[in-house]
Amino acid sequence: LAVDGADRVDEDLNMLKGLGGAFVREHFVSSVSPKVLYIMDKTKRTKFIYEKEGVLPVEVLPFEHEYVIKWLEEEVRDYIVSIKKRGYRSDNGNIIVDLVFKPMKSKEEWDEFISKIIAFPTILGTGYFRVFDKYTAIIAYENKIEIIDGAYILEEYD
């Protein structure tokens, strides 16, 4: 069992993670763990992760990273508000670039955005975690908790 948090989670259990800079390692841990439990508060819950502006961290190899940043600025310019290189590196010693993305209207638009990003060879990963059946999220509200398991709301407890 792996236990972690998330920066944003939607009703289908898609997540944005990585504002702490370890998201590529977190992808590995979640892929090899038989079950992953994410715990967060209500401020992280949204209907769709792409429906409002947000930050998508991207991990890039240091080699020619300035070129990659310029490529990203051009390739995804229609989807982003800004792009910024962080002042620190990932747990793997790589460059982290934050893409502040615009609100999007559909999952198809979001998927196109993500596909463009991960197409570049020296981009190692993003903070976008797609839903897997082995994920469970526990979201705390003032007077209840919500449990989402494998993209289905199981129960709410008062």
C-alpha atoms as a PDB file:
ATOM      1  CA  LEU A   1       0.000   0.000   0.000  1.00  0.00           C
ATOM      2  CA  ALA A   2       1.284   3.459  -0.946  1.00  0.00           C
ATOM      3  CA  VAL A   3      -0.183   6.554   0.724  1.00  0.00           C
ATOM      4  CA  ASP A   4       0.176  10.050  -0.741  1.00  0.00           C
ATOM      5  CA  GLY A   5      -1.581  13.362  -1.293  1.00  0.00           C
ATOM      6  CA  ALA A   6      -2.633  15.209  -4.436  1.00  0.00           C
ATOM      7  CA  ASP A   7      -2.874  18.836  -5.487  1.00  0.00           C
ATOM      8  CA  ARG A   8      -6.142  18.361  -7.399  1.00  0.00           C
ATOM      9  CA  VAL A   9      -8.478  15.395  -7.891  1.00  0.00           C
ATOM     10  CA  ASP A  10     -11.603  15.117 -10.029  1.00  0.00           C
ATOM     11  CA  GLU A  11     -14.721  12.971  -9.860  1.00  0.00           C
ATOM     12  CA  ASP A  12     -13.099  10.362 -12.144  1.00  0.00           C
ATOM     13  CA  LEU A  13     -10.020  10.162  -9.872  1.00  0.00           C
ATOM     14  CA  ASN A  14      -7.687  11.898 -12.328  1.00  0.00           C
ATOM     15  CA  MET A  15      -5.113  13.891 -10.385  1.00  0.00           C
ATOM     16  CA  LEU A  16      -2.624  16.696 -10.575  1.00  0.00           C
ATOM     17  CA  LYS A  17       0.385  16.139  -8.354  1.00  0.00           C
ATOM     18  CA  GLY A  18       3.944  17.263  -8.091  1.00  0.00           C
ATOM     19  CA  LEU A  19       3.998  20.731  -6.657  1.00  0.00           C
ATOM     20  CA  GLY A  20       6.582  19.268  -4.267  1.00  0.00           C
ATOM     21  CA  GLY A  21       8.767  18.079  -7.168  1.00  0.00           C
ATOM     22  CA  ALA A  22       8.763  14.284  -6.772  1.00  0.00           C
ATOM     23  CA  PHE A  23       6.031  13.359  -9.280  1.00  0.00           C
ATOM     24  CA  VAL A  24       8.144  11.155 -11.591  1.00  0.00           C
ATOM     25  CA  ARG A  25       9.134   9.011  -8.608  1.00  0.00           C
ATOM     26  CA  GLU A  26       5.518   9.077  -7.425  1.00  0.00           C
ATOM     27  CA  HIS A  27       4.451   7.729 -10.842  1.00  0.00           C
ATOM     28  CA  PHE A  28       6.863   4.841 -10.332  1.00  0.00           C
ATOM     29  CA  VAL A  29       5.672   4.117  -6.786  1.00  0.00           C
ATOM     30  CA  SER A  30       2.014   4.209  -7.824  1.00  0.00           C
ATOM     31  CA  SER A  31       2.664   1.894 -10.771  1.00  0.00           C
ATOM     32  CA  VAL A  32       4.388  -0.801  -8.693  1.00  0.00           C
ATOM     33  CA  SER A  33       2.158  -0.599  -5.611  1.00  0.00           C
ATOM     34  CA  PRO A  34      -0.814  -2.977  -5.487  1.00  0.00           C
ATOM     35  CA  LYS A  35      -3.026  -0.229  -3.991  1.00  0.00           C
ATOM     36  CA  VAL A  36      -2.572   3.549  -3.699  1.00  0.00           C
ATOM     37  CA  LEU A  37      -4.453   5.683  -1.188  1.00  0.00           C
ATOM     38  CA  TYR A  38      -4.587   9.457  -1.681  1.00  0.00           C
ATOM     39  CA  ILE A  39      -5.684  11.645   1.208  1.00  0.00           C
ATOM     40  CA  MET A  40      -6.658  15.297   0.777  1.00  0.00           C
ATOM     41  CA  ASP A  41      -9.070  17.964   1.903  1.00  0.00           C
ATOM     42  CA  LYS A  42     -12.061  19.401   0.070  1.00  0.00           C
ATOM     43  CA  THR A  43     -10.041  22.265  -1.436  1.00  0.00           C
ATOM     44  CA  LYS A  44      -8.354  19.742  -3.757  1.00  0.00           C
ATOM     45  CA  ARG A  45     -11.643  18.356  -5.165  1.00  0.00           C
ATOM     46  CA  THR A  46     -13.021  19.494  -8.517  1.00  0.00           C
ATOM     47  CA  LYS A  47     -15.445  18.132 -11.090  1.00  0.00           C
ATOM     48  CA  PHE A  48     -12.744  17.927 -13.798  1.00  0.00           C
ATOM     49  CA  ILE A  49      -9.038  18.673 -13.280  1.00  0.00           C
ATOM     50  CA  TYR A  50      -8.963  20.786 -16.434  1.00  0.00           C
ATOM     51  CA  GLU A  51     -12.040  22.965 -15.754  1.00  0.00           C
ATOM     52  CA  LYS A  52     -10.145  25.805 -14.059  1.00  0.00           C
ATOM     53  CA  GLU A  53      -6.667  27.253 -14.324  1.00  0.00           C
ATOM     54  CA  GLY A  54      -3.988  25.151 -12.682  1.00  0.00           C
ATOM     55  CA  VAL A  55      -0.331  24.204 -12.558  1.00  0.00           C
ATOM     56  CA  LEU A  56       1.018  21.193 -14.410  1.00  0.00           C
ATOM     57  CA  PRO A  57       4.597  20.416 -13.406  1.00  0.00           C
ATOM     58  CA  VAL A  58       6.812  18.885 -16.103  1.00  0.00           C
ATOM     59  CA  GLU A  59      10.153  17.166 -15.426  1.00  0.00           C
ATOM     60  CA  VAL A  60      12.827  17.772 -18.072  1.00  0.00           C
ATOM     61  CA  LEU A  61      16.373  16.440 -18.442  1.00  0.00           C
ATOM     62  CA  PRO A  62      18.942  19.202 -17.808  1.00  0.00           C
ATOM     63  CA  PHE A  63      20.494  18.629 -21.256  1.00  0.00           C
ATOM     64  CA  GLU A  64      19.294  21.470 -23.507  1.00  0.00           C
ATOM     65  CA  HIS A  65      16.424  22.232 -21.112  1.00  0.00           C
ATOM     66  CA  GLU A  66      16.245  25.855 -22.318  1.00  0.00           C
ATOM     67  CA  TYR A  67      15.491  24.536 -25.815  1.00  0.00           C
ATOM     68  CA  VAL A  68      12.773  22.299 -24.379  1.00  0.00           C
ATOM     69  CA  ILE A  69      11.227  25.253 -22.529  1.00  0.00           C
ATOM     70  CA  LYS A  70      11.158  27.264 -25.768  1.00  0.00           C
ATOM     71  CA  TRP A  71       9.647  24.261 -27.562  1.00  0.00           C
ATOM     72  CA  LEU A  72       6.949  23.998 -24.882  1.00  0.00           C
ATOM     73  CA  GLU A  73       6.221  27.726 -25.113  1.00  0.00           C
ATOM     74  CA  GLU A  74       5.593  27.316 -28.830  1.00  0.00           C
ATOM     75  CA  GLU A  75       3.922  23.895 -28.871  1.00  0.00           C
ATOM     76  CA  VAL A  76       1.385  24.433 -26.075  1.00  0.00           C
ATOM     77  CA  ARG A  77       0.997  28.231 -26.223  1.00  0.00           C
ATOM     78  CA  ASP A  78      -2.749  27.950 -26.889  1.00  0.00           C
ATOM     79  CA  TYR A  79      -3.235  26.010 -23.649  1.00  0.00           C
ATOM     80  CA  ILE A  80      -1.099  27.951 -21.188  1.00  0.00           C
ATOM     81  CA  VAL A  81      -1.088  31.246 -19.328  1.00  0.00           C
ATOM     82  CA  SER A  82       2.595  31.065 -18.414  1.00  0.00           C
ATOM     83  CA  ILE A  83       5.611  28.804 -18.123  1.00  0.00           C
ATOM     84  CA  LYS A  84       8.248  29.022 -15.422  1.00  0.00           C
ATOM     85  CA  LYS A  85      11.353  27.064 -14.536  1.00  0.00           C
ATOM     86  CA  ARG A  86      11.516  26.298 -10.811  1.00  0.00           C
ATOM     87  CA  GLY A  87      14.460  27.439  -8.732  1.00  0.00           C
ATOM     88  CA  TYR A  88      15.116  23.909  -7.527  1.00  0.00           C
ATOM     89  CA  ARG A  89      15.454  20.488  -9.132  1.00  0.00           C
ATOM     90  CA  SER A  90      13.428  17.320  -8.845  1.00  0.00           C
ATOM     91  CA  ASP A  91      14.391  14.451  -6.564  1.00  0.00           C
ATOM     92  CA  ASN A  92      16.071  12.990  -9.666  1.00  0.00           C
ATOM     93  CA  GLY A  93      18.195  16.101 -10.236  1.00  0.00           C
ATOM     94  CA  ASN A  94      16.206  17.237 -13.273  1.00  0.00           C
ATOM     95  CA  ILE A  95      14.669  20.581 -14.191  1.00  0.00           C
ATOM     96  CA  ILE A  96      11.053  21.213 -13.199  1.00  0.00           C
ATOM     97  CA  VAL A  97       8.979  23.501 -15.394  1.00  0.00           C
ATOM     98  CA  ASP A  98       5.544  24.645 -14.251  1.00  0.00           C
ATOM     99  CA  LEU A  99       2.961  25.153 -16.977  1.00  0.00           C
ATOM    100  CA  VAL A 100       0.081  27.305 -15.775  1.00  0.00           C
ATOM    101  CA  PHE A 101      -2.714  26.050 -17.990  1.00  0.00           C
ATOM    102  CA  LYS A 102      -5.917  27.782 -19.029  1.00  0.00           C
ATOM    103  CA  PRO A 103      -9.311  26.300 -18.167  1.00  0.00           C
ATOM    104  CA  MET A 104     -10.299  23.751 -20.801  1.00  0.00           C
ATOM    105  CA  LYS A 105     -13.727  22.770 -22.050  1.00  0.00           C
ATOM    106  CA  SER A 106     -13.306  19.028 -22.582  1.00  0.00           C
ATOM    107  CA  LYS A 107     -11.313  15.922 -21.771  1.00  0.00           C
ATOM    108  CA  GLU A 108     -10.339  15.732 -25.452  1.00  0.00           C
ATOM    109  CA  GLU A 109      -8.750  19.177 -25.259  1.00  0.00           C
ATOM    110  CA  TRP A 110      -6.931  18.164 -22.046  1.00  0.00           C
ATOM    111  CA  ASP A 111      -5.698  14.913 -23.632  1.00  0.00           C
ATOM    112  CA  GLU A 112      -4.385  16.825 -26.656  1.00  0.00           C
ATOM    113  CA  PHE A 113      -2.517  19.199 -24.328  1.00  0.00           C
ATOM    114  CA  ILE A 114      -0.937  16.312 -22.401  1.00  0.00           C
ATOM    115  CA  SER A 115      -0.075  14.399 -25.603  1.00  0.00           C
ATOM    116  CA  LYS A 116       1.830  17.374 -27.004  1.00  0.00           C
ATOM    117  CA  ILE A 117       3.864  17.682 -23.807  1.00  0.00           C
ATOM    118  CA  ILE A 118       4.861  14.049 -23.404  1.00  0.00           C
ATOM    119  CA  ALA A 119       5.794  13.740 -27.094  1.00  0.00           C
ATOM    120  CA  PHE A 120       9.153  15.461 -26.561  1.00  0.00           C
ATOM    121  CA  PRO A 121      12.001  12.959 -25.866  1.00  0.00           C
ATOM    122  CA  THR A 122      13.689  14.745 -22.927  1.00  0.00           C
ATOM    123  CA  ILE A 123      10.433  15.350 -21.061  1.00  0.00           C
ATOM    124  CA  LEU A 124      10.376  12.611 -18.433  1.00  0.00           C
ATOM    125  CA  GLY A 125       6.874  13.066 -17.091  1.00  0.00           C
ATOM    126  CA  THR A 126       4.168  15.380 -15.856  1.00  0.00           C
ATOM    127  CA  GLY A 127       2.185  15.781 -12.673  1.00  0.00           C
ATOM    128  CA  TYR A 128      -0.919  14.394 -14.380  1.00  0.00           C
ATOM    129  CA  PHE A 129      -1.993  11.024 -12.959  1.00  0.00           C
ATOM    130  CA  ARG A 130      -4.658   9.176 -14.935  1.00  0.00           C
ATOM    131  CA  VAL A 131      -7.190   7.102 -13.064  1.00  0.00           C
ATOM    132  CA  PHE A 132      -6.345   3.487 -12.218  1.00  0.00           C
ATOM    133  CA  ASP A 133      -8.568   0.948 -10.504  1.00  0.00           C
ATOM    134  CA  LYS A 134      -6.041   0.565  -7.703  1.00  0.00           C
ATOM    135  CA  TYR A 135      -6.344   4.243  -6.694  1.00  0.00           C
ATOM    136  CA  THR A 136      -8.546   5.277  -3.783  1.00  0.00           C
ATOM    137  CA  ALA A 137      -9.028   8.858  -2.656  1.00  0.00           C
ATOM    138  CA  ILE A 138     -10.274  10.016   0.710  1.00  0.00           C
ATOM    139  CA  ILE A 139     -11.447  13.621   0.695  1.00  0.00           C
ATOM    140  CA  ALA A 140     -12.138  15.343   4.007  1.00  0.00           C
ATOM    141  CA  TYR A 141     -14.929  17.906   4.353  1.00  0.00           C
ATOM    142  CA  GLU A 142     -16.018  19.760   7.504  1.00  0.00           C
ATOM    143  CA  ASN A 143     -18.629  17.163   8.502  1.00  0.00           C
ATOM    144  CA  LYS A 144     -18.015  14.182   6.252  1.00  0.00           C
ATOM    145  CA  ILE A 145     -15.503  12.263   4.205  1.00  0.00           C
ATOM    146  CA  GLU A 146     -15.864  11.150   0.601  1.00  0.00           C
ATOM    147  CA  ILE A 147     -14.264   7.947  -0.660  1.00  0.00           C
ATOM    148  CA  ILE A 148     -13.656   7.502  -4.377  1.00  0.00           C
ATOM    149  CA  ASP A 149     -12.393   4.097  -5.432  1.00  0.00           C
ATOM    150  CA  GLY A 150     -11.409   3.263  -9.001  1.00  0.00           C
ATOM    151  CA  ALA A 151     -13.346   6.283 -10.318  1.00  0.00           C
ATOM    152  CA  TYR A 152     -16.581   5.476  -8.486  1.00  0.00           C
ATOM    153  CA  ILE A 153     -17.894   7.296  -5.433  1.00  0.00           C
ATOM    154  CA  LEU A 154     -18.381   4.506  -2.927  1.00  0.00           C
ATOM    155  CA  GLU A 155     -19.597   6.194   0.180  1.00  0.00           C
ATOM    156  CA  GLU A 156     -19.927   9.432   2.035  1.00  0.00           C
ATOM    157  CA  TYR A 157     -19.710   9.414   5.809  1.00  0.00           C
ATOM    158  CA  ASP A 158     -21.140  12.091   8.082  1.00  0.00           C
END
